[in-house]
C-alpha atoms as a PDB file:
ATOM      1  CA  MET A   1      13.390  16.854  19.326  1.00  0.00           C
ATOM      2  CA  THR A   2      16.125  19.033  17.872  1.00  0.00           C
ATOM      3  CA  TYR A   3      17.624  19.614  14.468  1.00  0.00           C
ATOM      4  CA  LYS A   4      20.541  17.431  15.599  1.00  0.00           C
ATOM      5  CA  ASP A   5      18.123  14.500  15.917  1.00  0.00           C
ATOM      6  CA  ILE A   6      17.151  14.983  12.267  1.00  0.00           C
ATOM      7  CA  LEU A   7      20.819  14.967  11.252  1.00  0.00           C
ATOM      8  CA  LYS A   8      21.228  11.619  13.043  1.00  0.00           C
ATOM      9  CA  GLN A   9      18.183  10.234  11.221  1.00  0.00           C
ATOM     10  CA  ILE A  10      19.502  11.164   7.783  1.00  0.00           C
ATOM     11  CA  GLU A  11      22.983   9.798   8.472  1.00  0.00           C
ATOM     12  CA  PRO A  12      22.490   7.011   5.846  1.00  0.00           C
ATOM     13  CA  ILE A  13      22.572   9.567   3.016  1.00  0.00           C
ATOM     14  CA  ARG A  14      26.034  10.794   4.045  1.00  0.00           C
ATOM     15  CA  LYS A  15      27.355   8.381   1.427  1.00  0.00           C
ATOM     16  CA  TYR A  16      26.018  10.964  -1.067  1.00  0.00           C
ATOM     17  CA  PRO A  17      27.662  14.133   0.262  1.00  0.00           C
ATOM     18  CA  THR A  18      25.740  16.437  -2.070  1.00  0.00           C
ATOM     19  CA  LEU A  19      22.329  15.154  -0.910  1.00  0.00           C
ATOM     20  CA  TYR A  20      23.430  15.352   2.713  1.00  0.00           C
ATOM     21  CA  THR A  21      24.692  18.914   2.239  1.00  0.00           C
ATOM     22  CA  LEU A  22      21.399  19.906   0.582  1.00  0.00           C
ATOM     23  CA  CYS A  23      19.570  18.554   3.635  1.00  0.00           C
ATOM     24  CA  GLU A  24      21.905  20.377   5.997  1.00  0.00           C
ATOM     25  CA  LEU A  25      20.915  23.669   4.337  1.00  0.00           C
ATOM     26  CA  VAL A  26      17.365  23.092   5.580  1.00  0.00           C
ATOM     27  CA  VAL A  27      18.167  21.667   8.983  1.00  0.00           C
ATOM     28  CA  TYR A  28      20.656  24.417   9.880  1.00  0.00           C
ATOM     29  CA  ASN A  29      18.277  27.208   8.833  1.00  0.00           C
ATOM     30  CA  ASP A  30      17.321  29.168  11.957  1.00  0.00           C
ATOM     31  CA  ASN A  31      13.741  29.656  10.761  1.00  0.00           C
ATOM     32  CA  PHE A  32      13.282  25.925  10.163  1.00  0.00           C
ATOM     33  CA  ARG A  33      14.296  25.289  13.759  1.00  0.00           C
ATOM     34  CA  ILE A  34      11.842  27.721  15.379  1.00  0.00           C
ATOM     35  CA  PHE A  35       8.753  27.635  13.163  1.00  0.00           C
ATOM     36  CA  PRO A  36       5.558  25.724  13.902  1.00  0.00           C
ATOM     37  CA  ALA A  37       4.358  23.125  11.404  1.00  0.00           C
ATOM     38  CA  SER A  38       0.883  24.682  11.180  1.00  0.00           C
ATOM     39  CA  GLN A  39      -1.030  27.733  12.287  1.00  0.00           C
ATOM     40  CA  PRO A  40      -1.214  27.787  16.082  1.00  0.00           C
ATOM     41  CA  ASP A  41      -4.596  29.480  16.313  1.00  0.00           C
ATOM     42  CA  LYS A  42      -6.305  27.139  13.837  1.00  0.00           C
ATOM     43  CA  PRO A  43      -8.429  24.340  15.318  1.00  0.00           C
ATOM     44  CA  HIS A  44      -6.960  20.872  14.793  1.00  0.00           C
ATOM     45  CA  SER A  45      -3.523  22.214  13.892  1.00  0.00           C
ATOM     46  CA  HIS A  46      -0.651  19.795  14.123  1.00  0.00           C
ATOM     47  CA  HIS A  47       2.706  20.624  15.700  1.00  0.00           C
ATOM     48  CA  ALA A  48       1.509  24.220  16.139  1.00  0.00           C
ATOM     49  CA  TYR A  49       4.205  25.397  18.525  1.00  0.00           C
ATOM     50  CA  ASP A  50       7.705  26.821  18.388  1.00  0.00           C
ATOM     51  CA  GLY A  51       9.913  24.111  16.921  1.00  0.00           C
ATOM     52  CA  GLY A  52       6.922  22.141  15.651  1.00  0.00           C
ATOM     53  CA  LEU A  53       8.316  21.989  12.122  1.00  0.00           C
ATOM     54  CA  VAL A  54      11.414  20.172  13.383  1.00  0.00           C
ATOM     55  CA  ALA A  55       9.284  17.782  15.461  1.00  0.00           C
ATOM     56  CA  HIS A  56       6.970  17.059  12.510  1.00  0.00           C
ATOM     57  CA  THR A  57       9.911  16.483  10.142  1.00  0.00           C
ATOM     58  CA  TRP A  58      11.534  14.149  12.671  1.00  0.00           C
ATOM     59  CA  GLU A  59       8.307  12.144  13.033  1.00  0.00           C
ATOM     60  CA  VAL A  60       7.879  11.871   9.264  1.00  0.00           C
ATOM     61  CA  ILE A  61      11.397  10.464   8.966  1.00  0.00           C
ATOM     62  CA  GLU A  62      10.740   8.063  11.857  1.00  0.00           C
ATOM     63  CA  HIS A  63       7.667   6.723  10.042  1.00  0.00           C
ATOM     64  CA  LEU A  64       9.713   6.264   6.859  1.00  0.00           C
ATOM     65  CA  LYS A  65      12.785   4.536   8.284  1.00  0.00           C
ATOM     66  CA  HIS A  66      11.574   0.998   7.709  1.00  0.00           C
ATOM     67  CA  THR A  67       9.754   1.490   4.403  1.00  0.00           C
ATOM     68  CA  PRO A  68      10.638  -1.465   2.148  1.00  0.00           C
ATOM     69  CA  ASN A  69      11.465  -1.365  -1.545  1.00  0.00           C
ATOM     70  CA  VAL A  70      12.121   2.365  -1.887  1.00  0.00           C
ATOM     71  CA  ASP A  71      15.111   4.559  -2.625  1.00  0.00           C
ATOM     72  CA  MET A  72      15.823   5.683   0.931  1.00  0.00           C
ATOM     73  CA  ASP A  73      18.150   8.465  -0.255  1.00  0.00           C
ATOM     74  CA  VAL A  74      15.288  10.015  -2.229  1.00  0.00           C
ATOM     75  CA  LEU A  75      12.853   9.472   0.621  1.00  0.00           C
ATOM     76  CA  LEU A  76      15.005  10.980   3.385  1.00  0.00           C
ATOM     77  CA  THR A  77      15.928  13.992   1.276  1.00  0.00           C
ATOM     78  CA  ALA A  78      12.299  14.594   0.300  1.00  0.00           C
ATOM     79  CA  ALA A  79      11.232  14.234   3.934  1.00  0.00           C
ATOM     80  CA  VAL A  80      13.636  16.975   5.018  1.00  0.00           C
ATOM     81  CA  TRP A  81      12.531  19.321   2.225  1.00  0.00           C
ATOM     82  CA  HIS A  82       8.775  18.572   2.026  1.00  0.00           C
ATOM     83  CA  ASP A  83       7.594  21.322   4.423  1.00  0.00           C
ATOM     84  CA  TYR A  84      10.537  23.702   4.221  1.00  0.00           C
ATOM     85  CA  GLY A  85       8.355  26.308   2.487  1.00  0.00           C
ATOM     86  CA  LYS A  86       6.328  26.650   5.680  1.00  0.00           C
ATOM     87  CA  ILE A  87       8.900  29.147   6.889  1.00  0.00           C
ATOM     88  CA  TYR A  88       7.131  31.552   4.498  1.00  0.00           C
ATOM     89  CA  ASP A  89       3.574  30.594   5.511  1.00  0.00           C
ATOM     90  CA  TYR A  90       3.763  32.084   9.003  1.00  0.00           C
ATOM     91  CA  TYR A  91       5.368  34.953  10.830  1.00  0.00           C
ATOM     92  CA  TYR A  92       5.311  36.062  14.407  1.00  0.00           C
ATOM     93  CA  THR A  93       4.863  39.246  16.357  1.00  0.00           C
ATOM     94  CA  GLN A  94       5.227  39.827  20.048  1.00  0.00           C
ATOM     95  CA  ASN A  95       2.525  41.124  22.318  1.00  0.00           C
ATOM     96  CA  SER A  96       3.144  43.656  25.080  1.00  0.00           C
ATOM     97  CA  ASP A  97       4.194  40.846  27.426  1.00  0.00           C
ATOM     98  CA  GLY A  98       6.834  39.695  24.951  1.00  0.00           C
ATOM     99  CA  LYS A  99       4.879  36.536  24.099  1.00  0.00           C
ATOM    100  CA  LYS A 100       5.357  35.293  20.540  1.00  0.00           C
ATOM    101  CA  ILE A 101       2.144  35.264  18.498  1.00  0.00           C
ATOM    102  CA  TRP A 102       2.196  33.283  15.249  1.00  0.00           C
ATOM    103  CA  ARG A 103       0.145  34.549  12.314  1.00  0.00           C
ATOM    104  CA  LYS A 104      -0.617  33.334   8.825  1.00  0.00           C
ATOM    105  CA  SER A 105       1.248  35.319   6.148  1.00  0.00           C
ATOM    106  CA  PRO A 106      -0.179  36.343   2.751  1.00  0.00           C
ATOM    107  CA  HIS A 107       2.175  33.715   1.269  1.00  0.00           C
ATOM    108  CA  HIS A 108       0.063  31.012   2.912  1.00  0.00           C
ATOM    109  CA  ASP A 109      -2.962  31.917   0.779  1.00  0.00           C
ATOM    110  CA  LEU A 110      -1.162  33.019  -2.397  1.00  0.00           C
ATOM    111  CA  VAL A 111       1.642  30.478  -2.874  1.00  0.00           C
ATOM    112  CA  ARG A 112       1.529  27.919  -0.034  1.00  0.00           C
ATOM    113  CA  HIS A 113       4.286  25.769   1.321  1.00  0.00           C
ATOM    114  CA  VAL A 114       4.072  22.876  -1.160  1.00  0.00           C
ATOM    115  CA  ALA A 115       4.891  25.109  -4.131  1.00  0.00           C
ATOM    116  CA  ARG A 116       7.516  27.057  -2.161  1.00  0.00           C
ATOM    117  CA  SER A 117       9.215  23.896  -0.880  1.00  0.00           C
ATOM    118  CA  TYR A 118       9.429  22.598  -4.456  1.00  0.00           C
ATOM    119  CA  GLN A 119      10.699  25.917  -5.801  1.00  0.00           C
ATOM    120  CA  MET A 120      13.357  26.124  -3.095  1.00  0.00           C
ATOM    121  CA  TRP A 121      14.379  22.512  -3.704  1.00  0.00           C
ATOM    122  CA  VAL A 122      14.816  23.016  -7.444  1.00  0.00           C
ATOM    123  CA  SER A 123      16.595  26.373  -7.167  1.00  0.00           C
ATOM    124  CA  THR A 124      18.996  24.954  -4.554  1.00  0.00           C
ATOM    125  CA  ALA A 125      19.658  21.493  -6.015  1.00  0.00           C
ATOM    126  CA  GLU A 126      19.578  22.105  -9.770  1.00  0.00           C
ATOM    127  CA  GLY A 127      22.977  21.502 -11.331  1.00  0.00           C
ATOM    128  CA  LYS A 128      24.274  19.792  -8.189  1.00  0.00           C
ATOM    129  CA  ILE A 129      22.555  16.421  -8.636  1.00  0.00           C
ATOM    130  CA  SER A 130      21.244  14.414 -11.562  1.00  0.00           C
ATOM    131  CA  THR A 131      18.016  15.486 -13.220  1.00  0.00           C
ATOM    132  CA  ASP A 132      16.521  12.116 -12.255  1.00  0.00           C
ATOM    133  CA  TYR A 133      17.172  12.753  -8.551  1.00  0.00           C
ATOM    134  CA  LEU A 134      16.043  16.369  -8.853  1.00  0.00           C
ATOM    135  CA  ASP A 135      12.733  15.355 -10.427  1.00  0.00           C
ATOM    136  CA  THR A 136      12.099  12.287  -8.268  1.00  0.00           C
ATOM    137  CA  ILE A 137      12.657  14.209  -5.028  1.00  0.00           C
ATOM    138  CA  GLY A 138      10.721  17.155  -6.463  1.00  0.00           C
ATOM    139  CA  HIS A 139       7.792  14.869  -7.256  1.00  0.00           C
ATOM    140  CA  CYS A 140       7.758  13.620  -3.657  1.00  0.00           C
ATOM    141  CA  ILE A 141       7.671  17.202  -2.382  1.00  0.00           C
ATOM    142  CA  LEU A 142       4.860  18.199  -4.750  1.00  0.00           C
ATOM    143  CA  ALA A 143       2.818  15.057  -4.021  1.00  0.00           C
ATOM    144  CA  HIS A 144       3.182  14.939  -0.233  1.00  0.00           C
ATOM    145  CA  HIS A 145      -0.406  16.105   0.416  1.00  0.00           C
ATOM    146  CA  GLY A 146      -1.548  13.109  -1.604  1.00  0.00           C
ATOM    147  CA  ARG A 147      -4.659  14.433  -3.345  1.00  0.00           C
ATOM    148  CA  PHE A 148      -5.586  17.473  -5.395  1.00  0.00           C
ATOM    149  CA  GLU A 149      -8.374  18.390  -3.006  1.00  0.00           C
ATOM    150  CA  TRP A 150      -5.876  18.363  -0.117  1.00  0.00           C
ATOM    151  CA  GLY A 151      -3.621  20.916  -1.828  1.00  0.00           C
ATOM    152  CA  SER A 152      -1.326  18.600  -3.736  1.00  0.00           C
ATOM    153  CA  PRO A 153      -0.528  19.843  -7.269  1.00  0.00           C
ATOM    154  CA  VAL A 154       0.210  16.235  -8.294  1.00  0.00           C
ATOM    155  CA  GLU A 155      -0.771  12.900  -6.813  1.00  0.00           C
ATOM    156  CA  PRO A 156       1.897  10.353  -5.803  1.00  0.00           C
ATOM    157  CA  LYS A 157       3.165   8.351  -8.765  1.00  0.00           C
ATOM    158  CA  THR A 158       6.163   6.644  -7.151  1.00  0.00           C
ATOM    159  CA  PRO A 159       6.503   4.417  -4.085  1.00  0.00           C
ATOM    160  CA  GLU A 160       8.652   7.116  -2.458  1.00  0.00           C
ATOM    161  CA  ALA A 161       6.016   9.831  -2.997  1.00  0.00           C
ATOM    162  CA  LEU A 162       3.278   7.602  -1.622  1.00  0.00           C
ATOM    163  CA  ALA A 163       5.395   6.683   1.411  1.00  0.00           C
ATOM    164  CA  LEU A 164       6.133  10.362   2.109  1.00  0.00           C
ATOM    165  CA  HIS A 165       2.454  11.250   1.826  1.00  0.00           C
ATOM    166  CA  ASN A 166       1.472   8.471   4.240  1.00  0.00           C
ATOM    167  CA  ALA A 167       4.182   9.388   6.766  1.00  0.00           C
ATOM    168  CA  ASP A 168       3.245  13.081   6.569  1.00  0.00           C
ATOM    169  CA  MET A 169      -0.412  12.207   7.094  1.00  0.00           C
ATOM    170  CA  MET A 170       0.349   9.981  10.088  1.00  0.00           C
ATOM    171  CA  SER A 171       2.482  12.628  11.750  1.00  0.00           C
ATOM    172  CA  SER A 172      -0.044  15.392  11.138  1.00  0.00           C
ATOM    173  CA  LYS A 173      -3.018  13.319  12.355  1.00  0.00           C
ATOM    174  CA  TYR A 174      -1.205  12.172  15.489  1.00  0.00           C
ATOM    175  CA  GLY A 175      -0.034  15.749  15.991  1.00  0.00           C
ATOM    176  CA  GLU A 176      -3.641  16.991  15.971  1.00  0.00           C
ATOM    177  CA  LEU A 177      -4.462  14.663  18.850  1.00  0.00           C
ATOM    178  CA  ARG A 178      -1.793  16.068  21.143  1.00  0.00           C
END
């Protein structure tokens, strides 16, 4: 799985160049391409390896591709952005052998990726797309953990937010089993 595979998956939103360009900002980010999707030394972590964030994002989009009765432009954009804040949740050092060791950053405990992904989405997209799109995609990002007790600041209130939550959950659960 590479970032180019994600670009192929989101090809349908090219008809909205601004949304596509906003997604490209994430996909072309070097940190997005190398970061894991969760903490590698944590038991039951999903996609906890270099490039795991790209693999997880790709899987989420794969699960969403055939979702009926949703705004696919909203859904694909939210899928690309939903975990982008994870690039602040972890950092790496190298041991004496040059091996990369991933560690949890203070950001992980203080802010967390859901809030950061939303903040980055709003600060990047505001003024470039309609307020309706901004808020609908933002809601999907904020609700992607699905429940308050799972770290979601809001619960899904749209079909797109619920679909994103379910796809994220499927990818993360399958990812734990690998």
